[in-house]
C-alpha atoms as a PDB file:
ATOM      1  CA  MET A   1       0.318   8.166  19.361  1.00  0.00           C
ATOM      2  CA  SER A   2      -1.441   6.042  16.740  1.00  0.00           C
ATOM      3  CA  ARG A   3      -1.760   7.233  13.164  1.00  0.00           C
ATOM      4  CA  ILE A   4      -4.546   6.033  10.853  1.00  0.00           C
ATOM      5  CA  ILE A   5      -3.986   5.829   7.075  1.00  0.00           C
ATOM      6  CA  ASP A   6      -7.119   5.443   4.970  1.00  0.00           C
ATOM      7  CA  CYS A   7      -6.311   3.070   2.103  1.00  0.00           C
ATOM      8  CA  SER A   8      -9.731   3.032   0.389  1.00  0.00           C
ATOM      9  CA  LEU A   9     -10.929   4.614  -2.840  1.00  0.00           C
ATOM     10  CA  ILE A  10     -14.202   6.556  -2.908  1.00  0.00           C
ATOM     11  CA  VAL A  11     -17.173   4.706  -4.404  1.00  0.00           C
ATOM     12  CA  SER A  12     -19.324   7.007  -6.510  1.00  0.00           C
ATOM     13  CA  ALA A  13     -21.194   7.128  -9.802  1.00  0.00           C
ATOM     14  CA  GLN A  14     -18.019   8.602 -11.327  1.00  0.00           C
ATOM     15  CA  THR A  15     -16.462   5.123 -11.538  1.00  0.00           C
ATOM     16  CA  TRP A  16     -15.912   4.704 -15.271  1.00  0.00           C
ATOM     17  CA  ARG A  17     -14.529   1.175 -15.722  1.00  0.00           C
ATOM     18  CA  PRO A  18     -17.213  -0.725 -17.713  1.00  0.00           C
ATOM     19  CA  ILE A  19     -17.594  -3.816 -15.500  1.00  0.00           C
ATOM     20  CA  TRP A  20     -17.572  -1.621 -12.380  1.00  0.00           C
ATOM     21  CA  ARG A  21     -20.392   0.693 -13.387  1.00  0.00           C
ATOM     22  CA  VAL A  22     -21.815   2.163 -10.169  1.00  0.00           C
ATOM     23  CA  ALA A  23     -25.452   3.254 -10.122  1.00  0.00           C
ATOM     24  CA  ILE A  24     -26.631   5.253  -7.105  1.00  0.00           C
ATOM     25  CA  ALA A  25     -30.300   6.200  -6.873  1.00  0.00           C
ATOM     26  CA  THR A  26     -31.402   8.576  -4.130  1.00  0.00           C
ATOM     27  CA  ARG A  27     -34.956   9.165  -2.944  1.00  0.00           C
ATOM     28  CA  HIS A  28     -35.653  12.505  -1.221  1.00  0.00           C
ATOM     29  CA  GLN A  29     -38.546  13.421   1.018  1.00  0.00           C
ATOM     30  CA  ALA A  30     -39.989  16.885   1.327  1.00  0.00           C
ATOM     31  CA  LEU A  31     -37.990  19.589   3.054  1.00  0.00           C
ATOM     32  CA  VAL A  32     -39.449  20.464   6.460  1.00  0.00           C
ATOM     33  CA  GLU A  33     -38.351  22.528   9.417  1.00  0.00           C
ATOM     34  CA  VAL A  34     -38.067  20.744  12.784  1.00  0.00           C
ATOM     35  CA  ASN A  35     -37.039  22.715  15.884  1.00  0.00           C
ATOM     36  CA  GLY A  36     -35.250  25.243  13.717  1.00  0.00           C
ATOM     37  CA  LEU A  37     -33.446  22.625  11.592  1.00  0.00           C
ATOM     38  CA  ARG A  38     -33.943  22.253   7.851  1.00  0.00           C
ATOM     39  CA  VAL A  39     -34.688  18.514   7.517  1.00  0.00           C
ATOM     40  CA  LYS A  40     -34.784  16.701   4.163  1.00  0.00           C
ATOM     41  CA  PRO A  41     -34.663  12.905   4.655  1.00  0.00           C
ATOM     42  CA  GLN A  42     -33.028  10.871   1.892  1.00  0.00           C
ATOM     43  CA  ALA A  43     -32.268   7.191   1.266  1.00  0.00           C
ATOM     44  CA  SER A  44     -30.019   5.743  -1.448  1.00  0.00           C
ATOM     45  CA  SER A  45     -29.763   2.391  -3.195  1.00  0.00           C
ATOM     46  CA  ILE A  46     -26.575   1.186  -4.871  1.00  0.00           C
ATOM     47  CA  HIS A  47     -25.939  -1.232  -7.731  1.00  0.00           C
ATOM     48  CA  MET A  48     -22.289  -2.175  -8.242  1.00  0.00           C
ATOM     49  CA  SER A  49     -19.896  -5.075  -8.758  1.00  0.00           C
ATOM     50  CA  ALA A  50     -18.708  -6.910  -5.653  1.00  0.00           C
ATOM     51  CA  HIS A  51     -15.206  -6.390  -7.115  1.00  0.00           C
ATOM     52  CA  CYS A  52     -15.527  -2.644  -7.612  1.00  0.00           C
ATOM     53  CA  LEU A  53     -12.687  -0.427  -6.391  1.00  0.00           C
ATOM     54  CA  THR A  54     -11.192  -1.326  -2.970  1.00  0.00           C
ATOM     55  CA  HIS A  55     -12.422  -4.860  -2.288  1.00  0.00           C
ATOM     56  CA  ILE A  56     -11.519  -8.340  -1.075  1.00  0.00           C
ATOM     57  CA  ASP A  57     -11.666 -11.660  -2.948  1.00  0.00           C
ATOM     58  CA  SER A  58     -12.532 -14.952  -1.270  1.00  0.00           C
ATOM     59  CA  PRO A  59     -11.313 -18.252  -2.791  1.00  0.00           C
ATOM     60  CA  LEU A  60     -14.706 -18.757  -4.482  1.00  0.00           C
ATOM     61  CA  HIS A  61     -13.709 -15.987  -6.914  1.00  0.00           C
ATOM     62  CA  TYR A  62     -11.698 -18.607  -8.821  1.00  0.00           C
ATOM     63  CA  ILE A  63     -11.833 -21.903  -6.930  1.00  0.00           C
ATOM     64  CA  GLU A  64     -14.967 -24.030  -7.352  1.00  0.00           C
ATOM     65  CA  GLY A  65     -16.519 -24.828  -3.993  1.00  0.00           C
ATOM     66  CA  GLY A  66     -14.369 -22.268  -2.194  1.00  0.00           C
ATOM     67  CA  PRO A  67     -15.717 -20.222   0.720  1.00  0.00           C
ATOM     68  CA  THR A  68     -17.756 -17.082   0.177  1.00  0.00           C
ATOM     69  CA  VAL A  69     -16.863 -13.824   1.897  1.00  0.00           C
ATOM     70  CA  ALA A  70     -19.524 -14.551   4.530  1.00  0.00           C
ATOM     71  CA  ASP A  71     -17.801 -17.874   5.260  1.00  0.00           C
ATOM     72  CA  LEU A  72     -14.438 -16.255   6.012  1.00  0.00           C
ATOM     73  CA  PRO A  73     -13.407 -16.003   9.677  1.00  0.00           C
ATOM     74  CA  ILE A  74     -13.347 -12.282  10.400  1.00  0.00           C
ATOM     75  CA  ASP A  75      -9.746 -12.456  11.650  1.00  0.00           C
ATOM     76  CA  ARG A  76      -8.635 -13.359   8.104  1.00  0.00           C
ATOM     77  CA  CYS A  77      -9.459  -9.789   7.121  1.00  0.00           C
ATOM     78  CA  PHE A  78      -7.382  -7.838   9.629  1.00  0.00           C
ATOM     79  CA  GLY A  79      -4.199  -8.185  11.628  1.00  0.00           C
ATOM     80  CA  GLU A  80      -0.474  -7.583  11.475  1.00  0.00           C
ATOM     81  CA  ALA A  81       0.746  -6.476   8.081  1.00  0.00           C
ATOM     82  CA  ALA A  82       4.168  -6.324   6.490  1.00  0.00           C
ATOM     83  CA  VAL A  83       4.607  -3.374   4.120  1.00  0.00           C
ATOM     84  CA  VAL A  84       6.971  -4.255   1.267  1.00  0.00           C
ATOM     85  CA  ASP A  85       8.497  -1.184  -0.394  1.00  0.00           C
ATOM     86  CA  LEU A  86       8.419  -1.540  -4.182  1.00  0.00           C
ATOM     87  CA  THR A  87       8.163   2.160  -5.012  1.00  0.00           C
ATOM     88  CA  ASP A  88      11.264   2.000  -7.188  1.00  0.00           C
ATOM     89  CA  LYS A  89       9.575  -0.444  -9.565  1.00  0.00           C
ATOM     90  CA  GLY A  90       9.087   1.137 -12.976  1.00  0.00           C
ATOM     91  CA  GLU A  91       6.801   0.608 -15.926  1.00  0.00           C
ATOM     92  CA  LEU A  92       6.042  -3.022 -16.780  1.00  0.00           C
ATOM     93  CA  GLU A  93       8.549  -4.211 -14.188  1.00  0.00           C
ATOM     94  CA  GLU A  94       7.943  -7.611 -12.623  1.00  0.00           C
ATOM     95  CA  ILE A  95       7.530  -8.226  -8.897  1.00  0.00           C
ATOM     96  CA  THR A  96       9.197 -11.594  -8.389  1.00  0.00           C
ATOM     97  CA  GLY A  97       9.992 -14.111  -5.698  1.00  0.00           C
ATOM     98  CA  ASP A  98      13.578 -12.818  -5.733  1.00  0.00           C
ATOM     99  CA  ASP A  99      12.279  -9.320  -4.997  1.00  0.00           C
ATOM    100  CA  MET A 100      10.399 -10.691  -2.031  1.00  0.00           C
ATOM    101  CA  ASP A 101      13.495 -12.543  -0.777  1.00  0.00           C
ATOM    102  CA  LYS A 102      15.358  -9.223  -0.748  1.00  0.00           C
ATOM    103  CA  ARG A 103      12.633  -6.855   0.410  1.00  0.00           C
ATOM    104  CA  GLY A 104      10.307  -9.079   2.396  1.00  0.00           C
ATOM    105  CA  THR A 105      12.642 -10.318   5.126  1.00  0.00           C
ATOM    106  CA  HIS A 106      10.237  -8.853   7.722  1.00  0.00           C
ATOM    107  CA  VAL A 107       7.256 -10.891   6.449  1.00  0.00           C
ATOM    108  CA  LYS A 108       5.996 -13.416   9.018  1.00  0.00           C
ATOM    109  CA  GLU A 109       3.697 -16.398   8.779  1.00  0.00           C
ATOM    110  CA  GLY A 110       0.074 -15.292   9.048  1.00  0.00           C
ATOM    111  CA  ASP A 111       0.786 -11.718   7.919  1.00  0.00           C
ATOM    112  CA  ILE A 112      -1.151  -9.578   5.519  1.00  0.00           C
ATOM    113  CA  VAL A 113       1.426  -8.435   2.951  1.00  0.00           C
ATOM    114  CA  LEU A 114       0.967  -4.956   1.452  1.00  0.00           C
ATOM    115  CA  LEU A 115       2.798  -4.396  -1.845  1.00  0.00           C
ATOM    116  CA  LYS A 116       3.593  -0.677  -1.820  1.00  0.00           C
ATOM    117  CA  THR A 117       4.353   0.383  -5.408  1.00  0.00           C
ATOM    118  CA  GLY A 118       2.777   3.843  -5.306  1.00  0.00           C
ATOM    119  CA  TRP A 119       1.480   3.163  -8.806  1.00  0.00           C
ATOM    120  CA  ILE A 120      -2.038   4.401  -8.123  1.00  0.00           C
ATOM    121  CA  GLU A 121      -0.787   7.701  -6.711  1.00  0.00           C
ATOM    122  CA  ARG A 122       1.554   8.169  -9.676  1.00  0.00           C
ATOM    123  CA  ASN A 123      -1.430   7.906 -11.997  1.00  0.00           C
ATOM    124  CA  ALA A 124      -3.847   9.992  -9.944  1.00  0.00           C
ATOM    125  CA  GLY A 125      -1.851  13.139  -9.371  1.00  0.00           C
ATOM    126  CA  GLY A 126      -0.874  11.986  -5.894  1.00  0.00           C
ATOM    127  CA  VAL A 127      -4.402  12.254  -4.453  1.00  0.00           C
ATOM    128  CA  ALA A 128      -5.888   8.779  -4.956  1.00  0.00           C
ATOM    129  CA  GLY A 129      -7.629   8.835  -1.589  1.00  0.00           C
ATOM    130  CA  ASN A 130      -9.739  11.826  -2.691  1.00  0.00           C
ATOM    131  CA  MET A 131     -10.408  10.471  -6.175  1.00  0.00           C
ATOM    132  CA  GLU A 132     -13.788   9.083  -7.177  1.00  0.00           C
ATOM    133  CA  GLY A 133     -13.285   5.839  -9.111  1.00  0.00           C
ATOM    134  CA  MET A 134      -9.945   4.877 -10.638  1.00  0.00           C
ATOM    135  CA  PRO A 135      -7.256   6.870 -12.469  1.00  0.00           C
ATOM    136  CA  ALA A 136      -8.472   7.811 -15.946  1.00  0.00           C
ATOM    137  CA  ASN A 137      -4.851   7.567 -17.073  1.00  0.00           C
ATOM    138  CA  TRP A 138      -4.631   4.489 -19.318  1.00  0.00           C
ATOM    139  CA  ASP A 139      -1.052   3.952 -18.169  1.00  0.00           C
ATOM    140  CA  PHE A 140      -2.356   2.742 -14.814  1.00  0.00           C
ATOM    141  CA  TRP A 141      -3.645  -0.349 -16.609  1.00  0.00           C
ATOM    142  CA  ARG A 142      -1.086  -0.705 -19.405  1.00  0.00           C
ATOM    143  CA  LYS A 143       2.257   0.068 -17.808  1.00  0.00           C
ATOM    144  CA  GLY A 144       2.156  -0.767 -14.111  1.00  0.00           C
ATOM    145  CA  PRO A 145       4.611  -3.024 -12.261  1.00  0.00           C
ATOM    146  CA  TYR A 146       2.933  -6.382 -11.736  1.00  0.00           C
ATOM    147  CA  PRO A 147       3.203  -9.536  -9.595  1.00  0.00           C
ATOM    148  CA  THR A 148       4.371 -12.813 -11.105  1.00  0.00           C
ATOM    149  CA  LEU A 149       3.845 -16.495 -10.421  1.00  0.00           C
ATOM    150  CA  SER A 150       7.156 -16.709  -8.542  1.00  0.00           C
ATOM    151  CA  MET A 151       5.982 -13.967  -6.180  1.00  0.00           C
ATOM    152  CA  ALA A 152       2.687 -15.774  -5.630  1.00  0.00           C
ATOM    153  CA  GLU A 153       4.524 -19.007  -4.837  1.00  0.00           C
ATOM    154  CA  TRP A 154       6.740 -17.103  -2.371  1.00  0.00           C
ATOM    155  CA  MET A 155       3.604 -15.957  -0.521  1.00  0.00           C
ATOM    156  CA  VAL A 156       2.343 -19.545  -0.351  1.00  0.00           C
ATOM    157  CA  GLN A 157       5.641 -20.739   1.132  1.00  0.00           C
ATOM    158  CA  LYS A 158       5.514 -17.959   3.724  1.00  0.00           C
ATOM    159  CA  ASN A 159       1.924 -18.972   4.588  1.00  0.00           C
ATOM    160  CA  VAL A 160       0.609 -15.397   4.620  1.00  0.00           C
ATOM    161  CA  LYS A 161      -3.126 -14.871   4.946  1.00  0.00           C
ATOM    162  CA  ALA A 162      -3.700 -12.030   2.475  1.00  0.00           C
ATOM    163  CA  VAL A 163      -1.906  -9.869  -0.078  1.00  0.00           C
ATOM    164  CA  GLY A 164      -2.872  -6.240  -0.770  1.00  0.00           C
ATOM    165  CA  TYR A 165      -2.164  -4.292  -3.964  1.00  0.00           C
ATOM    166  CA  ASP A 166      -2.146  -0.642  -5.049  1.00  0.00           C
ATOM    167  CA  GLY A 167      -1.728  -1.491  -8.729  1.00  0.00           C
ATOM    168  CA  PRO A 168      -2.463  -4.204 -11.308  1.00  0.00           C
ATOM    169  CA  ASN A 169      -2.692  -7.514  -9.483  1.00  0.00           C
ATOM    170  CA  ASP A 170      -1.926 -10.360 -11.868  1.00  0.00           C
ATOM    171  CA  CYS A 171       1.022 -11.299 -14.021  1.00  0.00           C
ATOM    172  CA  ASN A 172      -0.727 -10.657 -17.328  1.00  0.00           C
ATOM    173  CA  PHE A 173      -2.992  -7.841 -16.186  1.00  0.00           C
ATOM    174  CA  HIS A 174      -1.005  -5.162 -18.000  1.00  0.00           C
ATOM    175  CA  GLN A 175      -1.541  -6.962 -21.306  1.00  0.00           C
ATOM    176  CA  THR A 176      -5.231  -7.843 -21.024  1.00  0.00           C
ATOM    177  CA  ILE A 177      -7.072  -5.192 -19.027  1.00  0.00           C
ATOM    178  CA  ILE A 178      -6.965  -2.741 -21.918  1.00  0.00           C
ATOM    179  CA  TYR A 179      -9.160  -5.078 -23.969  1.00  0.00           C
ATOM    180  CA  GLU A 180     -11.882  -4.974 -21.355  1.00  0.00           C
ATOM    181  CA  CYS A 181     -11.689  -1.209 -20.946  1.00  0.00           C
ATOM    182  CA  THR A 182     -11.822  -0.429 -24.663  1.00  0.00           C
ATOM    183  CA  ARG A 183     -14.050  -3.387 -25.585  1.00  0.00           C
ATOM    184  CA  THR A 184     -11.756  -4.230 -28.490  1.00  0.00           C
ATOM    185  CA  GLY A 185     -10.905  -7.750 -27.417  1.00  0.00           C
ATOM    186  CA  PRO A 186     -11.768 -10.647 -25.110  1.00  0.00           C
ATOM    187  CA  VAL A 187     -11.824 -10.649 -21.343  1.00  0.00           C
ATOM    188  CA  PRO A 188      -8.765 -12.674 -20.221  1.00  0.00           C
ATOM    189  CA  LYS A 189      -9.331 -16.379 -19.623  1.00  0.00           C
ATOM    190  CA  ALA A 190      -9.334 -17.589 -16.026  1.00  0.00           C
ATOM    191  CA  ARG A 191      -6.520 -20.051 -16.726  1.00  0.00           C
ATOM    192  CA  ASP A 192      -4.191 -17.099 -17.311  1.00  0.00           C
ATOM    193  CA  ARG A 193      -4.777 -15.597 -13.845  1.00  0.00           C
ATOM    194  CA  HIS A 194      -1.758 -17.292 -12.260  1.00  0.00           C
ATOM    195  CA  VAL A 195      -1.442 -15.059  -9.212  1.00  0.00           C
ATOM    196  CA  HIS A 196      -5.127 -15.178  -8.307  1.00  0.00           C
ATOM    197  CA  ILE A 197      -5.353 -18.935  -8.737  1.00  0.00           C
ATOM    198  CA  THR A 198      -2.154 -19.656  -6.793  1.00  0.00           C
ATOM    199  CA  HIS A 199      -3.151 -17.474  -3.858  1.00  0.00           C
ATOM    200  CA  LEU A 200      -6.848 -18.287  -3.655  1.00  0.00           C
ATOM    201  CA  SER A 201      -6.297 -22.030  -3.985  1.00  0.00           C
ATOM    202  CA  HIS A 202      -4.141 -21.806  -0.835  1.00  0.00           C
ATOM    203  CA  GLY A 203      -6.604 -19.625   1.087  1.00  0.00           C
ATOM    204  CA  ILE A 204      -4.605 -16.402   0.601  1.00  0.00           C
ATOM    205  CA  LEU A 205      -7.095 -13.564   0.198  1.00  0.00           C
ATOM    206  CA  HIS A 206      -6.686 -10.751  -2.326  1.00  0.00           C
ATOM    207  CA  ILE A 207      -7.221  -7.135  -1.200  1.00  0.00           C
ATOM    208  CA  GLU A 208      -7.261  -5.073  -4.368  1.00  0.00           C
ATOM    209  CA  TYR A 209      -7.122  -1.426  -5.458  1.00  0.00           C
ATOM    210  CA  LEU A 210      -5.746   0.012  -2.262  1.00  0.00           C
ATOM    211  CA  CYS A 211      -4.450   3.567  -2.171  1.00  0.00           C
ATOM    212  CA  ASN A 212      -2.219   5.702   0.069  1.00  0.00           C
ATOM    213  CA  LEU A 213       0.157   2.837   0.850  1.00  0.00           C
ATOM    214  CA  THR A 214       2.922   5.384   0.183  1.00  0.00           C
ATOM    215  CA  ALA A 215       1.678   7.281   3.248  1.00  0.00           C
ATOM    216  CA  ILE A 216       2.636   4.323   5.444  1.00  0.00           C
ATOM    217  CA  ASN A 217       6.089   4.975   6.888  1.00  0.00           C
ATOM    218  CA  LYS A 218       6.658   1.836   8.941  1.00  0.00           C
ATOM    219  CA  SER A 219       7.441  -1.648   7.687  1.00  0.00           C
ATOM    220  CA  ARG A 220       4.911  -3.279  10.026  1.00  0.00           C
ATOM    221  CA  VAL A 221       1.428  -1.966  10.837  1.00  0.00           C
ATOM    222  CA  MET A 222      -1.987  -3.194  11.874  1.00  0.00           C
ATOM    223  CA  PHE A 223      -4.213  -3.410   8.814  1.00  0.00           C
ATOM    224  CA  TYR A 224      -7.983  -3.779   8.405  1.00  0.00           C
ATOM    225  CA  ALA A 225      -9.952  -4.681   5.265  1.00  0.00           C
ATOM    226  CA  VAL A 226     -13.209  -5.975   6.717  1.00  0.00           C
ATOM    227  CA  PRO A 227     -15.905  -6.871   4.168  1.00  0.00           C
ATOM    228  CA  LEU A 228     -19.664  -6.912   4.325  1.00  0.00           C
ATOM    229  CA  LYS A 229     -21.010 -10.324   5.334  1.00  0.00           C
ATOM    230  CA  LEU A 230     -22.028 -11.177   1.778  1.00  0.00           C
ATOM    231  CA  LYS A 231     -22.746 -14.649   0.419  1.00  0.00           C
ATOM    232  CA  THR A 232     -20.610 -13.792  -2.599  1.00  0.00           C
ATOM    233  CA  GLU A 233     -17.027 -14.279  -3.790  1.00  0.00           C
ATOM    234  CA  GLY A 234     -16.066 -10.639  -3.208  1.00  0.00           C
ATOM    235  CA  SER A 235     -17.021  -7.567  -1.224  1.00  0.00           C
ATOM    236  CA  PRO A 236     -16.161  -3.883  -0.982  1.00  0.00           C
ATOM    237  CA  VAL A 237     -14.080  -3.042   2.086  1.00  0.00           C
ATOM    238  CA  ARG A 238     -13.061   0.060   4.018  1.00  0.00           C
ATOM    239  CA  ALA A 239      -9.334  -0.563   4.292  1.00  0.00           C
ATOM    240  CA  PHE A 240      -7.006   1.281   6.639  1.00  0.00           C
ATOM    241  CA  ALA A 241      -3.670   0.892   8.386  1.00  0.00           C
ATOM    242  CA  ILE A 242      -2.736   1.913  11.922  1.00  0.00           C
ATOM    243  CA  GLU A 243       0.828   2.927  12.710  1.00  0.00           C
ATOM    244  CA  GLU A 244       1.802   2.803  16.370  1.00  0.00           C
END
């Protein structure tokens, strides 16, 4: 029997990260009774970053002239996924190409690779899937295990089609994100985003801020992170895995 694991964070106005500010406006109509039902129509509008919470990046996010999300073949956003167990990685511990050599022997060409660190659950009281926004614990940003250039190059050599993360997703993220969140320093320069640039320049998509990867028990699953058909460099997704 199939098992579905929801890997998406809830989008709500509770999202606190400054560049992700979510504004939801709801218009209500008058309450009426129709055939014994209390009916109160409502319609909402949403203003948010295309990179807010669980989302996907197309190459255009960093690579000039790269495809938008709407340009991506839909099969780039779902398919067989290799789950790489990195739950033993501690604070500020690197995820390297050597780690992938040891733990990613089941990764195949054309896979989506899911890096299961459990970091988001550790910083959300174990209930990230029910949490609105991101962990308010600063340690999520400052102390998480993080991918390195050697890991990114490993993914290129394996010719995977996407990489998914449940924690900080660039090799200097742990050092720079705090500046953005506290507004005490500069936003990191694009030239420092080694993992993003390496992946996106080779057509490897980024699926970021996943949750509940620790609920996946098998090393290979079907995985879906299908975006809206937006003419932008990123899009929110509803991400989920299916275990057979």
